[in-house]
N, C-alpha and C. Protein backbone atom coordinates (compact mmCIF):
# COMPACT_ATOMS: atom_id res chain seq x y z
N MET A 1 18.09 21.30 -32.54
CA MET A 1 18.82 20.41 -33.56
C MET A 1 18.97 18.61 -32.14
N ALA A 2 19.59 18.72 -31.34
CA ALA A 2 19.28 18.48 -30.05
C ALA A 2 17.76 17.10 -29.90
N ALA A 3 16.77 18.59 -29.56
CA ALA A 3 15.55 18.40 -29.56
C ALA A 3 15.14 17.23 -30.54
N ALA A 4 15.20 17.68 -31.64
CA ALA A 4 14.92 16.78 -32.69
C ALA A 4 15.16 15.90 -32.93
N THR A 5 16.22 15.80 -32.90
CA THR A 5 17.23 15.13 -33.31
C THR A 5 16.09 13.29 -32.02
N TRP A 6 16.74 13.91 -30.72
CA TRP A 6 15.96 13.20 -29.33
C TRP A 6 14.35 13.12 -29.39
N GLY A 7 13.66 13.99 -30.06
CA GLY A 7 12.19 13.32 -31.01
C GLY A 7 11.96 12.46 -32.23
N LEU A 8 13.07 12.41 -32.56
CA LEU A 8 12.61 11.73 -34.26
C LEU A 8 13.24 10.34 -33.84
N LEU A 9 14.33 9.37 -32.64
CA LEU A 9 14.86 9.05 -32.35
C LEU A 9 13.88 8.09 -31.59
N GLY A 10 12.57 9.25 -31.14
CA GLY A 10 11.48 8.15 -30.42
C GLY A 10 10.33 7.78 -31.55
N TYR A 11 10.01 8.18 -32.60
CA TYR A 11 9.73 7.54 -33.85
C TYR A 11 10.41 5.61 -33.98
N ILE A 12 11.41 6.50 -34.43
CA ILE A 12 11.46 5.00 -34.82
C ILE A 12 12.11 4.48 -33.71
N GLU A 13 12.54 4.85 -32.85
CA GLU A 13 12.25 3.34 -31.28
C GLU A 13 10.07 3.10 -31.17
N GLY A 14 9.61 4.28 -31.36
CA GLY A 14 8.20 3.35 -30.94
C GLY A 14 7.45 3.54 -32.15
N GLY A 15 8.08 3.31 -32.78
CA GLY A 15 7.69 3.64 -33.37
C GLY A 15 6.49 4.48 -34.85
N CYS A 16 5.56 4.60 -35.21
CA CYS A 16 4.56 4.79 -35.84
C CYS A 16 2.40 4.80 -35.24
N GLU A 17 2.20 5.10 -35.19
CA GLU A 17 -0.41 4.41 -35.66
C GLU A 17 -0.47 5.20 -36.33
N ARG A 18 -1.23 4.81 -36.99
CA ARG A 18 -1.97 5.81 -37.21
C ARG A 18 -2.80 6.75 -36.90
N GLY A 19 -2.78 7.52 -36.30
CA GLY A 19 -3.86 8.71 -35.96
C GLY A 19 -4.98 8.91 -36.49
N PRO A 20 -6.75 9.36 -35.76
CA PRO A 20 -7.85 9.90 -35.79
C PRO A 20 -8.13 10.16 -37.84
N ARG A 21 -6.90 10.95 -37.91
CA ARG A 21 -7.12 11.16 -39.12
C ARG A 21 -5.75 11.25 -40.19
N GLY A 22 -5.92 9.49 -39.29
CA GLY A 22 -4.71 9.51 -41.39
C GLY A 22 -3.31 9.85 -40.50
N GLY A 23 -2.27 9.57 -41.11
CA GLY A 23 -2.16 10.66 -40.06
C GLY A 23 -0.05 9.31 -39.60
N CYS A 24 0.48 9.96 -39.12
CA CYS A 24 1.14 9.44 -38.59
C CYS A 24 1.98 10.41 -36.96
N ILE A 25 0.66 9.70 -35.92
CA ILE A 25 0.98 9.99 -34.70
C ILE A 25 2.13 9.07 -33.34
N ALA A 26 2.42 9.46 -32.71
CA ALA A 26 3.81 8.48 -31.79
C ALA A 26 2.64 7.26 -31.36
N ALA A 27 3.44 6.32 -30.74
CA ALA A 27 2.70 4.73 -30.30
C ALA A 27 3.20 5.49 -28.58
N ASP A 28 2.44 4.70 -28.26
CA ASP A 28 2.30 4.81 -27.11
C ASP A 28 3.02 4.76 -26.08
N GLY A 29 3.63 5.43 -25.51
CA GLY A 29 4.79 6.25 -24.53
C GLY A 29 5.74 6.84 -24.52
N TYR A 30 5.67 7.15 -26.67
CA TYR A 30 6.31 7.76 -27.03
C TYR A 30 5.68 9.25 -28.13
N GLU A 31 4.10 9.82 -27.50
CA GLU A 31 3.88 10.93 -26.87
C GLU A 31 4.57 12.23 -26.73
N TRP A 32 5.42 11.86 -25.41
CA TRP A 32 6.06 13.95 -24.90
C TRP A 32 7.11 13.66 -25.90
N ARG A 33 7.72 12.85 -26.29
CA ARG A 33 9.20 13.13 -27.52
C ARG A 33 8.71 13.68 -29.66
N GLY A 34 7.09 12.78 -29.49
CA GLY A 34 6.59 13.08 -30.66
C GLY A 34 5.52 14.52 -30.58
N TRP A 35 5.60 15.17 -29.78
CA TRP A 35 5.70 16.76 -30.00
C TRP A 35 7.13 17.03 -29.87
N VAL A 36 8.17 16.97 -28.61
CA VAL A 36 9.06 17.23 -29.11
C VAL A 36 9.71 17.54 -30.11
N PHE A 37 10.10 16.07 -30.59
CA PHE A 37 10.07 16.52 -31.84
C PHE A 37 8.76 17.90 -33.38
N PHE A 38 8.22 17.75 -33.21
CA PHE A 38 6.65 18.14 -34.20
C PHE A 38 6.99 19.95 -33.36
N LEU A 39 7.94 19.78 -31.46
CA LEU A 39 8.17 21.75 -31.72
C LEU A 39 9.46 22.18 -31.72
N ALA A 40 10.64 21.16 -32.88
CA ALA A 40 11.62 21.44 -32.35
C ALA A 40 11.96 21.78 -33.88
N ALA A 41 10.69 20.36 -34.82
CA ALA A 41 10.68 20.60 -36.57
C ALA A 41 12.10 22.19 -37.28
N MET A 42 10.84 23.13 -36.60
CA MET A 42 10.88 24.04 -38.09
C MET A 42 11.53 24.70 -37.84
N PRO A 43 12.23 25.18 -35.98
CA PRO A 43 13.20 25.96 -36.05
C PRO A 43 14.53 25.05 -35.94
N THR A 44 14.61 23.73 -36.34
CA THR A 44 16.04 23.32 -36.35
C THR A 44 16.04 23.27 -37.67
N PHE A 45 14.62 23.41 -39.46
CA PHE A 45 15.00 23.36 -40.51
C PHE A 45 16.12 25.06 -40.17
N PHE A 46 15.36 25.67 -40.08
CA PHE A 46 16.11 27.49 -40.31
C PHE A 46 17.85 27.00 -40.11
N VAL A 47 17.52 26.39 -39.04
CA VAL A 47 18.98 26.69 -38.22
C VAL A 47 20.04 25.68 -38.67
N VAL A 48 19.61 24.55 -39.11
CA VAL A 48 20.57 24.18 -40.89
C VAL A 48 20.17 25.09 -42.47
N GLY A 49 18.98 25.39 -42.42
CA GLY A 49 18.96 25.89 -43.62
C GLY A 49 19.99 27.45 -43.34
N THR A 50 20.90 27.63 -42.24
CA THR A 50 21.63 29.06 -41.46
C THR A 50 22.29 28.33 -42.04
N GLY A 51 22.99 27.18 -41.85
CA GLY A 51 24.69 27.20 -41.42
C GLY A 51 25.16 26.64 -42.74
N LEU A 52 23.73 26.15 -43.37
CA LEU A 52 24.22 25.13 -44.72
C LEU A 52 24.37 26.14 -45.67
N THR A 53 23.03 27.98 -44.83
CA THR A 53 23.85 28.06 -46.97
C THR A 53 24.14 29.98 -46.08
N ALA A 54 25.25 30.15 -45.47
CA ALA A 54 25.04 31.64 -44.97
C ALA A 54 27.30 31.29 -44.50
N ASP A 55 27.82 32.25 -45.28
CA ASP A 55 28.91 32.50 -45.68
C ASP A 55 30.09 33.34 -44.38
N ARG A 56 28.82 32.61 -42.88
CA ARG A 56 29.78 33.14 -42.11
C ARG A 56 29.58 31.76 -41.25
N TRP A 57 31.07 32.08 -40.82
CA TRP A 57 31.47 30.49 -39.07
C TRP A 57 30.31 30.51 -38.00
N PRO A 58 29.95 31.56 -37.77
CA PRO A 58 29.82 30.84 -36.92
C PRO A 58 27.95 30.40 -36.06
N PRO A 59 27.13 30.04 -37.91
CA PRO A 59 26.57 29.97 -37.85
C PRO A 59 26.79 27.31 -38.74
N ALA A 60 27.97 27.92 -39.86
CA ALA A 60 27.79 26.59 -39.93
C ALA A 60 28.27 26.12 -39.27
N LEU A 61 29.28 26.36 -37.27
CA LEU A 61 29.97 26.04 -36.71
C LEU A 61 29.17 25.47 -35.59
N GLY A 62 28.27 26.37 -35.88
CA GLY A 62 26.87 25.61 -34.98
C GLY A 62 26.22 24.41 -35.46
N VAL A 63 25.81 23.98 -36.15
CA VAL A 63 25.62 23.30 -37.25
C VAL A 63 26.21 22.11 -36.62
N ALA A 64 27.80 21.88 -37.53
CA ALA A 64 28.51 21.29 -36.91
C ALA A 64 28.95 20.33 -35.49
N ALA A 65 28.69 21.09 -35.21
CA ALA A 65 29.28 21.30 -33.23
C ALA A 65 27.30 19.70 -33.81
N GLY A 66 26.38 20.51 -33.80
CA GLY A 66 25.28 20.04 -33.33
C GLY A 66 25.20 18.41 -34.05
N GLY A 67 25.58 18.65 -34.84
CA GLY A 67 25.26 17.45 -36.05
C GLY A 67 27.01 15.60 -35.60
N ALA A 68 27.62 16.04 -34.38
CA ALA A 68 28.40 16.04 -34.63
C ALA A 68 27.81 15.31 -33.06
N ALA A 69 27.62 16.48 -32.17
CA ALA A 69 27.11 15.23 -30.99
C ALA A 69 26.32 14.84 -30.93
N CYS A 70 25.08 15.57 -32.31
CA CYS A 70 23.97 15.27 -32.33
C CYS A 70 24.16 13.36 -33.16
N GLY A 71 25.23 13.09 -33.74
CA GLY A 71 25.41 12.24 -35.11
C GLY A 71 26.14 11.22 -33.69
N ILE A 72 26.80 10.98 -32.58
CA ILE A 72 27.54 10.69 -31.65
C ILE A 72 26.13 9.86 -30.45
N TYR A 73 25.56 10.77 -30.05
CA TYR A 73 24.30 10.57 -29.19
C TYR A 73 23.40 9.26 -29.64
N VAL A 74 23.47 9.71 -31.13
CA VAL A 74 22.29 8.15 -32.16
C VAL A 74 22.88 6.85 -31.59
N LEU A 75 24.25 7.06 -31.92
CA LEU A 75 25.54 6.10 -31.97
C LEU A 75 25.23 5.87 -30.65
N ALA A 76 25.19 6.45 -29.35
CA ALA A 76 25.38 5.37 -28.23
C ALA A 76 24.30 4.70 -27.84
N GLN A 77 23.17 5.14 -29.13
CA GLN A 77 21.76 4.59 -28.59
C GLN A 77 20.85 3.04 -29.28
N ALA A 78 21.83 3.03 -30.63
CA ALA A 78 21.13 1.87 -30.68
C ALA A 78 22.17 1.91 -32.18
N HIS A 79 22.73 0.46 -32.73
CA HIS A 79 23.35 0.08 -34.64
C HIS A 79 22.59 -0.40 -35.08
N THR A 80 21.30 -0.02 -35.53
CA THR A 80 20.15 -0.51 -36.27
C THR A 80 19.75 0.70 -37.71
N VAL A 81 19.97 -0.66 -38.41
CA VAL A 81 19.85 0.49 -39.42
C VAL A 81 19.32 1.96 -39.33
N PRO A 82 17.94 1.83 -38.70
CA PRO A 82 18.04 3.27 -38.96
C PRO A 82 18.26 4.59 -38.39
N TYR A 83 19.24 4.15 -36.80
CA TYR A 83 20.26 4.52 -36.23
C TYR A 83 21.26 5.53 -37.49
N LEU A 84 21.24 3.84 -38.20
CA LEU A 84 22.87 4.03 -38.35
C LEU A 84 22.54 5.68 -39.44
N ILE A 85 21.19 5.54 -39.84
CA ILE A 85 21.57 6.71 -41.01
C ILE A 85 20.46 7.77 -40.62
N THR A 86 20.48 8.18 -39.58
CA THR A 86 20.36 9.29 -39.06
C THR A 86 21.58 9.79 -38.26
N ALA A 87 22.24 9.07 -37.80
CA ALA A 87 23.63 9.76 -37.74
C ALA A 87 24.27 9.80 -38.42
N ALA A 88 23.82 8.55 -39.83
CA ALA A 88 25.27 9.24 -41.29
C ALA A 88 24.78 10.79 -41.62
N VAL A 89 23.33 11.17 -41.54
CA VAL A 89 22.90 11.98 -42.41
C VAL A 89 23.31 13.63 -41.35
N LEU A 90 22.98 12.71 -39.66
CA LEU A 90 23.88 14.56 -38.27
C LEU A 90 25.18 14.30 -39.22
N PHE A 91 26.13 12.91 -39.88
CA PHE A 91 27.68 13.41 -39.71
C PHE A 91 27.62 13.96 -41.38
N ALA A 92 26.24 13.84 -41.95
CA ALA A 92 27.44 14.66 -42.86
C ALA A 92 26.92 15.81 -43.47
N LEU A 93 25.66 16.28 -42.43
CA LEU A 93 25.43 17.72 -42.27
C LEU A 93 26.52 18.29 -41.28
N ALA A 94 27.49 17.65 -40.42
CA ALA A 94 28.54 18.64 -39.31
C ALA A 94 29.74 18.95 -40.79
N VAL A 95 30.13 17.26 -41.77
CA VAL A 95 30.63 18.08 -42.04
C VAL A 95 30.79 19.64 -44.10
N ALA A 96 28.80 19.25 -43.66
CA ALA A 96 28.65 19.79 -45.56
C ALA A 96 29.00 21.05 -44.53
N ALA A 97 28.15 22.10 -43.74
CA ALA A 97 28.40 23.48 -43.11
C ALA A 97 29.25 23.92 -43.33
N PRO A 98 31.09 24.52 -42.70
CA PRO A 98 31.85 23.82 -42.66
C PRO A 98 32.29 24.20 -44.25
N VAL A 99 32.90 22.88 -44.47
CA VAL A 99 32.96 23.01 -45.75
C VAL A 99 32.31 23.63 -47.35
N LEU A 100 30.68 24.51 -47.21
CA LEU A 100 30.25 24.84 -47.99
C LEU A 100 29.76 27.07 -47.49
N ALA A 101 30.46 26.83 -46.01
CA ALA A 101 31.50 28.51 -46.03
C ALA A 101 32.01 28.50 -45.12
N TRP A 102 33.58 27.65 -46.01
CA TRP A 102 35.12 28.34 -45.90
C TRP A 102 34.57 27.70 -48.07
N ARG A 103 34.34 27.35 -48.63
CA ARG A 103 34.56 27.70 -49.56
C ARG A 103 33.33 29.42 -50.62
N ARG A 104 32.37 29.62 -50.10
CA ARG A 104 32.28 30.63 -50.47
C ARG A 104 32.40 32.05 -49.46
N ARG A 105 33.00 31.90 -48.67
CA ARG A 105 34.27 32.81 -48.12
C ARG A 105 34.72 32.75 -49.26
N ARG A 106 35.48 31.43 -49.15
CA ARG A 106 36.73 31.90 -50.18
C ARG A 106 36.11 32.67 -51.93
N ALA A 107 35.79 31.84 -52.16
CA ALA A 107 34.39 32.50 -53.63
C ALA A 107 34.48 33.62 -53.14
N GLY A 108 33.88 34.89 -52.36
CA GLY A 108 33.55 36.10 -52.43
C GLY A 108 34.60 36.81 -51.98
């Protein structure tokens, strides 16, 4: 989650340039962050998906800890609108994962 957040902030800071086949590529100086975001996106998707759908506590608490830590990191970087939106999404994940796990355990 931290790697995907760091890579995403590279797109927010550096912007997005049009690639040779269209699409978005990281701006000059942010290529490394673009690759980190690309490589971390799918594992992060699976971790967050597992944390939001599991009735066990470890995945949910992992998403909660990762979301809170990454949200604080994002707010420490800047306070522009894209940063605030990213932090809000991360904090929403941090709250939603344990709440959903608690509701599933209570229902089951």
